[in-house]
């Protein structure tokens, strides 16, 4: 994973690392580099969960940032391929390539069909499983779908009972709720008992995207019904609140930064007091999701005291009409109020996340965004848009909605830039887009079946370029043209909206 010097340096900088002698050691793999892995609260939660099992320990593995060298676990420096089980946490579609790479680094055939009895059992879970776990199937023996704290313990217990025999384990898991094996139907997304909430950080480290931050859930799930989102209110019972006292009591002494995590943290009924408690402890604070319609002068003032320099909110639709289409409750006046609050509390930047290429979007919607930009820039001197192409996900009401097209997204982006320039806003409104090409790749995997995973493997072997993915999709016959993938009519979009309101 790292050289011995790097491994020791990383461990020396960590606080809270778990070391344990155990009969069974599981390699807990994150198929992205260390900085991303240790920013994942879910990954740390499973690390804690496995260590809590009698006779079991978890040793971490991350995607190497450099080629060559020994591929070993962080805690013990053991070869990754020597473990009886590798448990993967996969956050999103593009990490499947990292799964293939880590298996090959461990001298394990990436395809399950090519592995023999002496090879480790490979399991997977993580956020990707809430949407479409099918592309993972060619590489793993079993997938935990949804919240994994209870299921991973059950799976490891069964694996121990059968002596880590792959065939016997798979036989025991067939038909059990929460597990997905090839040849079966994707099960309902698993939900853990509320008593197991919240997930909290185990390890703090400066060598991560969220340097030295202690993360804790304020809530799990969401109370809202955005039609593009996997974590909407119809998933796993909606939003499950963690009591304020429980959140604050779980923050360790000596913590200097606290991250409040959840799909809709600002929907927590006690969010202002929770942030006040954190700030008055002398801690900096971070919130994973700020809803513009929930911002108040009191809350933004506390965030500024807690170290905020950028106020980040999400609009998602380029216009008021598009926000209605995706059932986003944010309106233009909420965004304008966000700009006022950012200015009042001297925050350096107002950042707004937007999607382009949403079904039924037109150039007129982009032009409306230019008009909104003019109003925002008149209030706050620095506005930044984080622009991402819309990618339809399985297990959402917009599952099957088409990708707008690389050329369409790039054309809309060019139209926005031209409109901002013509309005004299180019210096005041920064546009930070993500790649339309890679969004298309993500879309093809997100809407694909297990063969899409094989195409990812092929593309990785061919160098991982966009051209390699395009060629691999064509060669494998990956195409989102099944029963889910279709152009949604205006009437269908209206029906989706009405159905979502009724949930």
Protein backbone atom coordinates (compact mmCIF):
# COMPACT_ATOMS: atom_id res chain seq x y z
CA UNK A 1 0.00 0.00 0.00
CA UNK A 2 2.72 2.43 1.04
CA UNK A 3 6.40 1.98 1.64
CA UNK A 4 7.28 0.99 5.22
CA UNK A 5 8.37 4.57 5.89
CA UNK A 6 5.10 5.96 4.55
CA UNK A 7 3.09 3.42 6.52
CA UNK A 8 4.84 4.30 9.76
CA UNK A 9 4.50 8.00 9.05
CA UNK A 10 0.76 7.69 8.43
CA UNK A 11 0.24 5.64 11.59
CA UNK A 12 2.31 8.03 13.69
CA UNK A 13 0.10 10.94 12.63
CA UNK A 14 -3.16 9.13 13.51
CA UNK A 15 -5.07 9.37 16.77
CA UNK A 16 -7.47 6.57 17.67
CA UNK A 17 -6.00 3.76 15.54
CA UNK A 18 -7.21 0.36 16.74
CA UNK A 19 -4.64 -2.37 17.38
CA UNK A 20 -5.82 -5.77 18.51
CA UNK A 21 -4.56 -9.33 18.64
CA UNK A 22 -7.25 -11.53 17.14
CA UNK A 23 -7.82 -15.03 15.83
CA UNK A 24 -9.37 -13.64 12.64
CA UNK A 25 -8.14 -10.60 10.75
CA UNK A 26 -10.20 -9.02 7.96
CA UNK A 27 -8.65 -6.73 5.36
CA UNK A 28 -10.93 -3.70 5.12
CA UNK A 29 -10.33 -2.18 1.68
CA UNK A 30 -11.20 1.27 0.36
CA UNK A 31 -10.57 1.43 -3.42
CA UNK A 32 -9.40 5.05 -3.35
CA UNK A 33 -6.31 6.65 -1.80
CA UNK A 34 -5.79 7.18 1.94
CA UNK A 35 -6.94 10.82 1.94
CA UNK A 36 -10.35 9.85 0.59
CA UNK A 37 -10.64 6.67 2.64
CA UNK A 38 -10.11 8.37 5.97
CA UNK A 39 -12.68 11.02 5.05
CA UNK A 40 -15.34 8.29 4.80
CA UNK A 41 -17.40 7.98 7.96
CA UNK A 42 -18.95 4.74 6.72
CA UNK A 43 -15.52 3.15 6.24
CA UNK A 44 -14.50 4.14 9.75
CA UNK A 45 -17.79 2.86 11.15
CA UNK A 46 -17.25 -0.61 9.68
CA UNK A 47 -13.67 -0.53 10.98
CA UNK A 48 -15.06 0.10 14.48
CA UNK A 49 -17.77 -2.54 14.04
CA UNK A 50 -15.38 -5.33 13.02
CA UNK A 51 -12.98 -4.53 15.85
CA UNK A 52 -15.86 -4.77 18.32
CA UNK A 53 -16.46 -8.42 17.39
CA UNK A 54 -14.84 -10.94 19.77
CA UNK A 55 -11.82 -12.58 18.16
CA UNK A 56 -11.94 -10.33 15.06
CA UNK A 57 -9.78 -7.41 13.96
CA UNK A 58 -9.82 -5.23 10.84
CA UNK A 59 -6.68 -4.03 9.08
CA UNK A 60 -7.06 -1.16 6.62
CA UNK A 61 -6.04 -1.17 2.95
CA UNK A 62 -6.28 1.75 0.52
CA UNK A 63 -5.59 2.19 -3.17
CA UNK A 64 -1.86 2.88 -3.59
CA UNK A 65 -1.00 6.27 -5.00
CA UNK A 66 2.21 5.01 -6.58
CA UNK A 67 2.96 1.89 -8.63
CA UNK A 68 5.14 -0.94 -7.36
CA UNK A 69 6.19 -1.83 -3.85
CA UNK A 70 4.66 -4.21 -1.39
CA UNK A 71 0.88 -4.21 -1.11
CA UNK A 72 0.20 -4.59 2.58
CA UNK A 73 -2.22 -3.59 5.30
CA UNK A 74 -1.68 -0.44 7.29
CA UNK A 75 -1.88 -1.75 10.86
CA UNK A 76 0.16 -4.94 10.50
CA UNK A 77 2.09 -4.73 7.19
CA UNK A 78 0.74 -8.15 6.21
CA UNK A 79 0.33 -8.96 2.50
CA UNK A 80 -3.24 -8.16 1.49
CA UNK A 81 -3.63 -11.45 -0.35
CA UNK A 82 -2.87 -13.42 2.81
CA UNK A 83 -6.16 -12.52 4.52
CA UNK A 84 -9.11 -14.93 4.56
CA UNK A 85 -11.51 -12.12 3.62
CA UNK A 86 -11.29 -8.74 1.90
CA UNK A 87 -14.20 -6.43 2.71
CA UNK A 88 -14.61 -3.51 0.29
CA UNK A 89 -16.37 -0.22 0.94
CA UNK A 90 -17.32 1.27 -2.45
CA UNK A 91 -18.69 4.78 -2.54
CA UNK A 92 -19.51 5.33 -6.21
CA UNK A 93 -19.27 3.85 -9.68
CA UNK A 94 -15.81 5.08 -10.64
CA UNK A 95 -14.24 3.27 -7.67
CA UNK A 96 -14.91 -0.10 -9.30
CA UNK A 97 -11.66 0.39 -11.23
CA UNK A 98 -9.90 0.77 -7.87
CA UNK A 99 -11.45 -2.50 -6.71
CA UNK A 100 -9.99 -4.26 -9.76
CA UNK A 101 -6.59 -2.64 -9.21
CA UNK A 102 -6.38 -3.56 -5.52
CA UNK A 103 -7.33 -7.18 -6.22
CA UNK A 104 -4.62 -7.45 -8.83
CA UNK A 105 -2.09 -5.75 -6.54
CA UNK A 106 -2.91 -8.47 -4.02
CA UNK A 107 -2.30 -11.19 -6.67
CA UNK A 108 -5.98 -12.16 -6.54
CA UNK A 109 -7.81 -12.79 -9.85
CA UNK A 110 -10.30 -9.92 -10.13
CA UNK A 111 -13.09 -12.13 -11.47
CA UNK A 112 -14.79 -14.37 -8.95
CA UNK A 113 -15.12 -17.09 -11.59
CA UNK A 114 -11.32 -17.27 -11.91
CA UNK A 115 -10.56 -17.66 -8.21
CA UNK A 116 -9.77 -20.93 -6.47
CA UNK A 117 -10.45 -22.21 -2.97
CA UNK A 118 -7.22 -20.81 -1.54
CA UNK A 119 -8.07 -17.25 -2.59
CA UNK A 120 -9.70 -14.89 -0.05
CA UNK A 121 -13.44 -14.36 0.12
CA UNK A 122 -14.30 -10.96 -1.39
CA UNK A 123 -17.30 -9.00 -0.13
CA UNK A 124 -18.47 -5.46 -0.83
CA UNK A 125 -20.75 -2.84 0.65
CA UNK A 126 -20.92 0.92 0.87
CA UNK A 127 -22.94 3.83 -0.56
CA UNK A 128 -22.93 2.44 -4.12
CA UNK A 129 -25.11 -0.46 -2.99
CA UNK A 130 -27.99 1.90 -2.19
CA UNK A 131 -28.33 2.51 -5.92
CA UNK A 132 -26.97 -0.15 -8.27
CA UNK A 133 -24.68 -2.88 -6.92
CA UNK A 134 -24.94 -5.04 -10.08
CA UNK A 135 -21.63 -3.89 -11.68
CA UNK A 136 -19.83 -5.22 -8.57
CA UNK A 137 -21.11 -8.77 -9.04
CA UNK A 138 -18.36 -10.15 -11.33
CA UNK A 139 -15.72 -9.38 -8.70
CA UNK A 140 -17.24 -10.34 -5.35
CA UNK A 141 -18.69 -13.33 -3.58
CA UNK A 142 -21.44 -11.35 -1.85
CA UNK A 143 -22.66 -7.78 -1.54
CA UNK A 144 -24.15 -6.18 1.57
CA UNK A 145 -26.88 -3.85 0.31
CA UNK A 146 -27.50 -0.75 2.40
CA UNK A 147 -26.54 -0.08 6.01
CA UNK A 148 -23.95 -2.66 6.93
CA UNK A 149 -23.17 -2.48 10.65
CA UNK A 150 -25.30 -5.50 11.58
CA UNK A 151 -24.98 -7.49 8.35
CA UNK A 152 -21.18 -7.38 8.26
CA UNK A 153 -21.07 -8.92 11.71
CA UNK A 154 -23.49 -11.64 10.65
CA UNK A 155 -21.53 -12.33 7.47
CA UNK A 156 -18.17 -12.59 9.25
CA UNK A 157 -19.72 -14.86 11.88
CA UNK A 158 -21.08 -17.19 9.19
CA UNK A 159 -17.74 -17.12 7.36
CA UNK A 160 -15.95 -18.17 10.54
CA UNK A 161 -18.49 -20.95 11.14
CA UNK A 162 -17.84 -22.43 7.67
CA UNK A 163 -14.08 -22.02 7.86
CA UNK A 164 -14.03 -19.20 5.29
CA UNK A 165 -15.15 -21.66 2.63
CA UNK A 166 -16.49 -19.58 -0.25
CA UNK A 167 -19.09 -22.03 -1.51
CA UNK A 168 -20.44 -22.80 1.94
CA UNK A 169 -20.67 -19.10 2.77
CA UNK A 170 -22.55 -18.31 -0.41
CA UNK A 171 -24.94 -21.20 0.24
CA UNK A 172 -25.69 -19.84 3.71
CA UNK A 173 -26.28 -16.32 2.39
CA UNK A 174 -28.65 -17.22 -0.45
CA UNK A 175 -32.06 -15.69 0.09
CA UNK A 176 -31.10 -13.90 3.30
CA UNK A 177 -32.32 -10.30 3.52
CA UNK A 178 -29.69 -7.68 2.80
CA UNK A 179 -27.31 -9.87 0.76
CA UNK A 180 -26.99 -9.77 -3.02
CA UNK A 181 -25.45 -12.68 -4.92
CA UNK A 182 -25.30 -13.28 -8.66
CA UNK A 183 -28.47 -14.86 -10.00
CA UNK A 184 -30.61 -13.23 -7.30
CA UNK A 185 -32.82 -10.15 -7.24
CA UNK A 186 -31.37 -7.06 -5.60
CA UNK A 187 -32.75 -7.09 -2.04
CA UNK A 188 -34.31 -4.24 -0.15
CA UNK A 189 -31.78 -1.76 1.19
CA UNK A 190 -30.90 -2.84 4.74
CA UNK A 191 -31.61 -0.60 7.71
CA UNK A 192 -29.85 -0.94 11.06
CA UNK A 193 -31.54 -0.48 14.40
CA UNK A 194 -31.73 3.16 15.44
CA UNK A 195 -29.98 2.21 18.68
CA UNK A 196 -26.76 1.76 16.67
CA UNK A 197 -26.75 5.41 15.58
CA UNK A 198 -24.80 7.58 15.28
CA UNK A 199 -21.76 6.54 13.31
CA UNK A 200 -18.68 8.35 14.63
CA UNK A 201 -15.08 8.74 13.62
CA UNK A 202 -12.58 6.31 15.04
CA UNK A 203 -9.37 7.85 13.69
CA UNK A 204 -8.38 11.48 13.30
CA UNK A 205 -5.47 12.34 11.03
CA UNK A 206 -4.05 15.43 9.32
CA UNK A 207 -3.42 13.37 6.18
CA UNK A 208 -6.95 13.51 4.87
CA UNK A 209 -9.39 15.76 3.03
CA UNK A 210 -10.98 16.65 6.38
CA UNK A 211 -7.79 17.16 8.36
CA UNK A 212 -8.07 16.24 12.05
CA UNK A 213 -11.87 16.42 11.96
CA UNK A 214 -13.99 14.25 14.25
CA UNK A 215 -17.08 13.23 12.27
CA UNK A 216 -20.39 12.27 13.80
CA UNK A 217 -23.83 11.66 12.33
CA UNK A 218 -26.49 14.19 13.23
CA UNK A 219 -29.08 12.15 11.36
CA UNK A 220 -29.25 9.27 8.92
CA UNK A 221 -31.39 9.48 5.80
CA UNK A 222 -33.41 12.43 4.56
CA UNK A 223 -36.87 13.90 5.04
CA UNK A 224 -37.03 15.33 1.53
CA UNK A 225 -38.21 13.88 -1.76
CA UNK A 226 -35.77 15.02 -4.45
CA UNK A 227 -36.46 12.68 -7.37
CA UNK A 228 -32.81 12.30 -8.41
CA UNK A 229 -31.53 11.28 -4.96
CA UNK A 230 -31.08 7.78 -3.56
CA UNK A 231 -31.28 9.07 0.02
CA UNK A 232 -34.76 10.59 -0.26
CA UNK A 233 -37.49 10.31 2.35
CA UNK A 234 -38.78 6.96 1.03
CA UNK A 235 -35.41 5.25 1.71
CA UNK A 236 -35.00 3.38 5.00
CA UNK A 237 -37.73 5.15 6.89
CA UNK A 238 -36.68 8.63 5.91
CA UNK A 239 -34.67 10.82 8.26
CA UNK A 240 -33.70 9.30 11.60
CA UNK A 241 -32.68 11.97 14.07
CA UNK A 242 -29.87 11.60 16.60
CA UNK A 243 -30.60 13.44 19.86
CA UNK A 244 -28.56 16.55 20.48
CA UNK A 245 -27.31 15.26 23.84
CA UNK A 246 -26.13 12.01 22.25
CA UNK A 247 -24.23 13.89 19.54
CA UNK A 248 -22.45 16.24 21.92
CA UNK A 249 -21.67 13.56 24.52
CA UNK A 250 -19.90 11.49 21.88
CA UNK A 251 -17.36 14.19 20.97
CA UNK A 252 -14.02 13.20 22.56
CA UNK A 253 -12.11 15.55 24.82
CA UNK A 254 -9.38 17.39 22.96
CA UNK A 255 -11.30 17.53 19.67
CA UNK A 256 -10.63 20.71 17.71
CA UNK A 257 -12.82 20.14 14.63
CA UNK A 258 -16.26 18.55 14.50
CA UNK A 259 -18.01 17.49 11.31
CA UNK A 260 -21.77 16.94 11.49
CA UNK A 261 -22.65 14.35 8.86
CA UNK A 262 -25.91 13.42 7.18
CA UNK A 263 -27.92 13.83 4.01
CA UNK A 264 -29.83 16.81 5.42
CA UNK A 265 -28.12 17.94 8.62
CA UNK A 266 -29.74 21.38 8.63
CA UNK A 267 -33.16 19.68 8.78
CA UNK A 268 -32.30 18.49 12.31
CA UNK A 269 -34.76 20.27 14.65
CA UNK A 270 -31.95 21.20 17.09
CA UNK A 271 -29.26 22.06 14.55
CA UNK A 272 -28.70 25.62 15.78
CA UNK A 273 -28.19 24.51 19.37
CA UNK A 274 -25.97 21.60 18.29
CA UNK A 275 -23.71 23.96 16.35
CA UNK A 276 -23.73 26.39 19.27
CA UNK A 277 -22.66 23.60 21.64
CA UNK A 278 -19.79 22.66 19.32
CA UNK A 279 -18.60 26.23 18.82
CA UNK A 280 -18.80 27.07 22.51
CA UNK A 281 -16.50 24.12 23.20
CA UNK A 282 -13.91 26.02 21.18
CA UNK A 283 -14.19 23.70 18.17
CA UNK A 284 -14.37 24.47 14.51
CA UNK A 285 -17.47 23.03 12.87
CA UNK A 286 -18.33 21.57 9.48
CA UNK A 287 -21.70 20.45 8.11
CA UNK A 288 -21.94 17.99 5.24
CA UNK A 289 -25.10 19.49 3.75
CA UNK A 290 -26.47 23.01 4.12
CA UNK A 291 -30.00 23.56 2.84
CA UNK A 292 -30.52 27.11 1.68
CA UNK A 293 -34.12 27.15 2.89
CA UNK A 294 -32.97 26.29 6.44
CA UNK A 295 -30.32 28.97 6.86
CA UNK A 296 -30.88 31.64 9.49
CA UNK A 297 -28.81 34.57 10.67
CA UNK A 298 -28.17 32.74 13.94
CA UNK A 299 -26.97 29.55 12.23
CA UNK A 300 -24.71 31.25 9.69
CA UNK A 301 -23.26 33.44 12.42
CA UNK A 302 -22.37 30.33 14.43
CA UNK A 303 -20.84 28.70 11.34
CA UNK A 304 -18.68 31.79 10.83
CA UNK A 305 -17.55 31.60 14.46
CA UNK A 306 -16.84 27.91 13.88
CA UNK A 307 -14.37 28.59 11.08
CA UNK A 308 -16.54 28.75 7.95
CA UNK A 309 -15.09 30.83 5.14
CA UNK A 310 -17.31 29.53 2.34
CA UNK A 311 -21.07 29.13 2.58
CA UNK A 312 -21.98 26.17 0.38
CA UNK A 313 -25.58 25.40 -0.57
CA UNK A 314 -27.25 23.34 -3.28
CA UNK A 315 -29.79 24.49 -5.83
CA UNK A 316 -29.41 21.55 -8.25
CA UNK A 317 -31.78 22.89 -10.88
CA UNK A 318 -30.63 25.80 -13.06
CA UNK A 319 -34.04 27.48 -12.87
CA UNK A 320 -37.10 27.61 -10.67
CA UNK A 321 -38.87 25.29 -13.11
CA UNK A 322 -36.08 22.73 -13.05
CA UNK A 323 -36.01 22.73 -9.26
CA UNK A 324 -39.71 21.91 -9.33
CA UNK A 325 -39.08 19.08 -11.81
CA UNK A 326 -36.63 17.39 -9.43
CA UNK A 327 -38.69 18.26 -6.36
CA UNK A 328 -35.98 20.44 -4.89
CA UNK A 329 -37.52 22.78 -2.32
CA UNK A 330 -34.84 25.44 -2.80
CA UNK A 331 -36.13 28.57 -4.50
CA UNK A 332 -34.39 31.63 -5.88
CA UNK A 333 -35.24 33.74 -2.84
CA UNK A 334 -33.55 31.14 -0.60
CA UNK A 335 -30.36 31.46 -2.63
CA UNK A 336 -30.53 35.25 -2.53
CA UNK A 337 -30.99 35.11 1.23
CA UNK A 338 -27.96 32.80 1.44
CA UNK A 339 -25.91 35.45 -0.34
CA UNK A 340 -27.13 38.09 2.10
CA UNK A 341 -26.18 35.92 5.08
CA UNK A 342 -22.75 35.12 3.62
CA UNK A 343 -22.10 38.83 3.13
CA UNK A 344 -23.44 39.81 6.56
CA UNK A 345 -21.10 37.34 8.28
CA UNK A 346 -18.13 38.17 6.05
CA UNK A 347 -17.81 34.75 4.48
CA UNK A 348 -15.38 34.84 1.60
CA UNK A 349 -17.43 32.88 -0.96
CA UNK A 350 -20.96 31.74 -1.65
CA UNK A 351 -20.75 28.39 -3.42
CA UNK A 352 -23.83 26.91 -5.08
CA UNK A 353 -24.06 23.37 -6.43
CA UNK A 354 -26.01 23.02 -9.65
CA UNK A 355 -26.87 20.24 -12.11
CA UNK A 356 -27.00 20.68 -15.86
CA UNK A 357 -28.71 18.31 -18.27
CA UNK A 358 -31.70 17.54 -16.04
CA UNK A 359 -34.60 15.98 -17.99
CA UNK A 360 -36.66 18.59 -19.89
CA UNK A 361 -34.03 21.32 -19.35
CA UNK A 362 -33.72 23.94 -22.11
CA UNK A 363 -31.49 26.89 -22.91
CA UNK A 364 -34.08 29.14 -21.28
CA UNK A 365 -33.32 27.51 -17.92
CA UNK A 366 -29.64 28.32 -18.34
CA UNK A 367 -30.52 31.91 -19.22
CA UNK A 368 -32.52 32.13 -16.00
CA UNK A 369 -29.41 31.02 -14.11
CA UNK A 370 -27.53 33.94 -15.68
CA UNK A 371 -30.25 36.30 -14.41
CA UNK A 372 -30.01 34.77 -10.93
CA UNK A 373 -26.21 35.14 -11.07
CA UNK A 374 -26.63 38.86 -11.67
CA UNK A 375 -28.75 39.14 -8.53
CA UNK A 376 -26.39 37.02 -6.43
CA UNK A 377 -23.34 38.99 -7.55
CA UNK A 378 -25.07 42.24 -6.64
CA UNK A 379 -25.31 40.95 -3.07
CA UNK A 380 -22.06 39.02 -2.57
CA UNK A 381 -18.74 39.87 -4.28
CA UNK A 382 -17.67 36.26 -4.82
CA UNK A 383 -20.00 33.51 -6.11
CA UNK A 384 -18.88 30.09 -7.30
CA UNK A 385 -20.94 27.44 -9.05
CA UNK A 386 -20.09 23.79 -8.67
CA UNK A 387 -21.68 22.41 -11.84
CA UNK A 388 -22.21 18.70 -12.40
CA UNK A 389 -24.03 16.93 -15.24
CA UNK A 390 -27.16 15.09 -14.15
CA UNK A 391 -26.63 11.33 -13.85
CA UNK A 392 -29.74 9.19 -13.33
CA UNK A 393 -29.36 6.61 -10.55
CA UNK A 394 -31.14 3.33 -9.96
CA UNK A 395 -33.53 3.15 -7.04
CA UNK A 396 -34.76 6.72 -7.62
CA UNK A 397 -37.89 8.05 -9.37
CA UNK A 398 -35.68 9.35 -12.18
CA UNK A 399 -34.10 5.94 -12.76
CA UNK A 400 -33.89 5.46 -16.52
CA UNK A 401 -33.89 9.14 -17.41
CA UNK A 402 -31.45 9.60 -20.29
CA UNK A 403 -28.09 11.31 -20.10
CA UNK A 404 -28.50 14.68 -21.80
CA UNK A 405 -25.43 14.12 -23.94
CA UNK A 406 -21.85 15.29 -23.67
CA UNK A 407 -22.37 17.84 -26.42
CA UNK A 408 -25.58 19.15 -24.83
CA UNK A 409 -24.02 19.58 -21.39
CA UNK A 410 -20.95 21.27 -22.83
CA UNK A 411 -23.18 23.53 -24.95
CA UNK A 412 -25.21 24.56 -21.89
CA UNK A 413 -22.01 25.21 -19.97
CA UNK A 414 -20.69 27.36 -22.82
CA UNK A 415 -24.00 29.22 -22.91
CA UNK A 416 -23.73 29.93 -19.19
CA UNK A 417 -20.16 31.19 -19.49
CA UNK A 418 -21.09 33.39 -22.46
CA UNK A 419 -24.10 34.78 -20.61
CA UNK A 420 -22.02 35.59 -17.53
CA UNK A 421 -19.35 37.25 -19.65
CA UNK A 422 -21.90 39.30 -21.58
CA UNK A 423 -23.43 40.42 -18.28
CA UNK A 424 -20.01 41.48 -16.99
CA UNK A 425 -20.04 38.78 -14.31
CA UNK A 426 -17.09 36.64 -15.39
CA UNK A 427 -14.86 38.08 -12.64
CA UNK A 428 -17.53 37.82 -9.95
CA UNK A 429 -19.13 34.43 -10.68
CA UNK A 430 -16.73 31.51 -10.98
CA UNK A 431 -17.84 28.39 -12.83
CA UNK A 432 -16.32 25.11 -11.62
CA UNK A 433 -17.68 22.29 -13.79
CA UNK A 434 -17.04 18.58 -13.58
CA UNK A 435 -16.35 16.68 -16.79
CA UNK A 436 -19.32 15.86 -19.00
CA UNK A 437 -17.34 12.97 -20.48
CA UNK A 438 -16.69 11.32 -17.13
CA UNK A 439 -20.29 11.97 -16.08
CA UNK A 440 -21.35 9.95 -19.14
CA UNK A 441 -19.03 7.13 -18.05
CA UNK A 442 -20.57 7.25 -14.57
CA UNK A 443 -24.04 7.17 -16.15
CA UNK A 444 -23.25 4.09 -18.23
CA UNK A 445 -22.11 2.22 -15.13
CA UNK A 446 -24.90 3.57 -12.92
CA UNK A 447 -27.55 2.37 -15.36
CA UNK A 448 -25.74 -0.83 -16.32
CA UNK A 449 -25.95 -4.44 -15.25
CA UNK A 450 -23.07 -6.69 -14.17
CA UNK A 451 -21.52 -6.52 -17.65
CA UNK A 452 -20.82 -2.85 -16.96
CA UNK A 453 -18.39 -3.99 -14.27
CA UNK A 454 -16.58 -6.14 -16.82
CA UNK A 455 -16.29 -3.10 -19.07
CA UNK A 456 -14.75 -1.12 -16.20
CA UNK A 457 -12.14 -3.87 -15.81
CA UNK A 458 -11.38 -3.80 -19.53
CA UNK A 459 -11.06 -0.01 -19.52
CA UNK A 460 -8.75 -0.11 -16.51
CA UNK A 461 -6.51 -2.65 -18.25
CA UNK A 462 -6.46 -0.41 -21.34
CA UNK A 463 -5.20 2.58 -19.36
CA UNK A 464 -8.40 4.03 -17.90
CA UNK A 465 -8.82 6.87 -20.38
CA UNK A 466 -12.20 8.11 -21.58
CA UNK A 467 -11.51 6.48 -24.95
CA UNK A 468 -10.75 3.19 -23.17
CA UNK A 469 -14.11 3.30 -21.39
CA UNK A 470 -15.97 4.19 -24.54
CA UNK A 471 -14.35 1.30 -26.40
CA UNK A 472 -14.95 -1.12 -23.51
CA UNK A 473 -18.65 -0.23 -23.27
CA UNK A 474 -19.06 -0.82 -26.99
CA UNK A 475 -17.14 -4.10 -26.94
CA UNK A 476 -19.13 -5.46 -23.99
CA UNK A 477 -22.45 -4.22 -25.33
CA UNK A 478 -23.08 -1.96 -22.33
CA UNK A 479 -26.00 0.28 -23.15
CA UNK A 480 -28.66 1.86 -20.91
CA UNK A 481 -31.39 0.83 -23.32
CA UNK A 482 -33.21 -1.69 -21.15
CA UNK A 483 -36.71 -1.31 -19.72
CA UNK A 484 -35.58 1.41 -17.31
CA UNK A 485 -33.81 3.62 -19.83
CA UNK A 486 -36.11 5.77 -21.90
CA UNK A 487 -36.89 9.40 -22.61
CA UNK A 488 -39.33 10.65 -20.01
CA UNK A 489 -42.27 12.58 -21.38
CA UNK A 490 -43.57 15.75 -19.74
CA UNK A 491 -46.57 13.79 -18.47
CA UNK A 492 -44.29 11.17 -16.91
CA UNK A 493 -42.31 13.90 -15.15
CA UNK A 494 -45.54 15.37 -13.79
CA UNK A 495 -46.60 11.90 -12.61
CA UNK A 496 -43.26 11.40 -10.90
CA UNK A 497 -43.70 14.70 -9.13
CA UNK A 498 -47.21 13.83 -7.94
CA UNK A 499 -46.11 10.38 -6.78
CA UNK A 500 -43.17 11.81 -4.88
CA UNK A 501 -45.38 14.38 -3.14
CA UNK A 502 -47.63 11.53 -1.98
CA UNK A 503 -44.76 9.51 -0.42
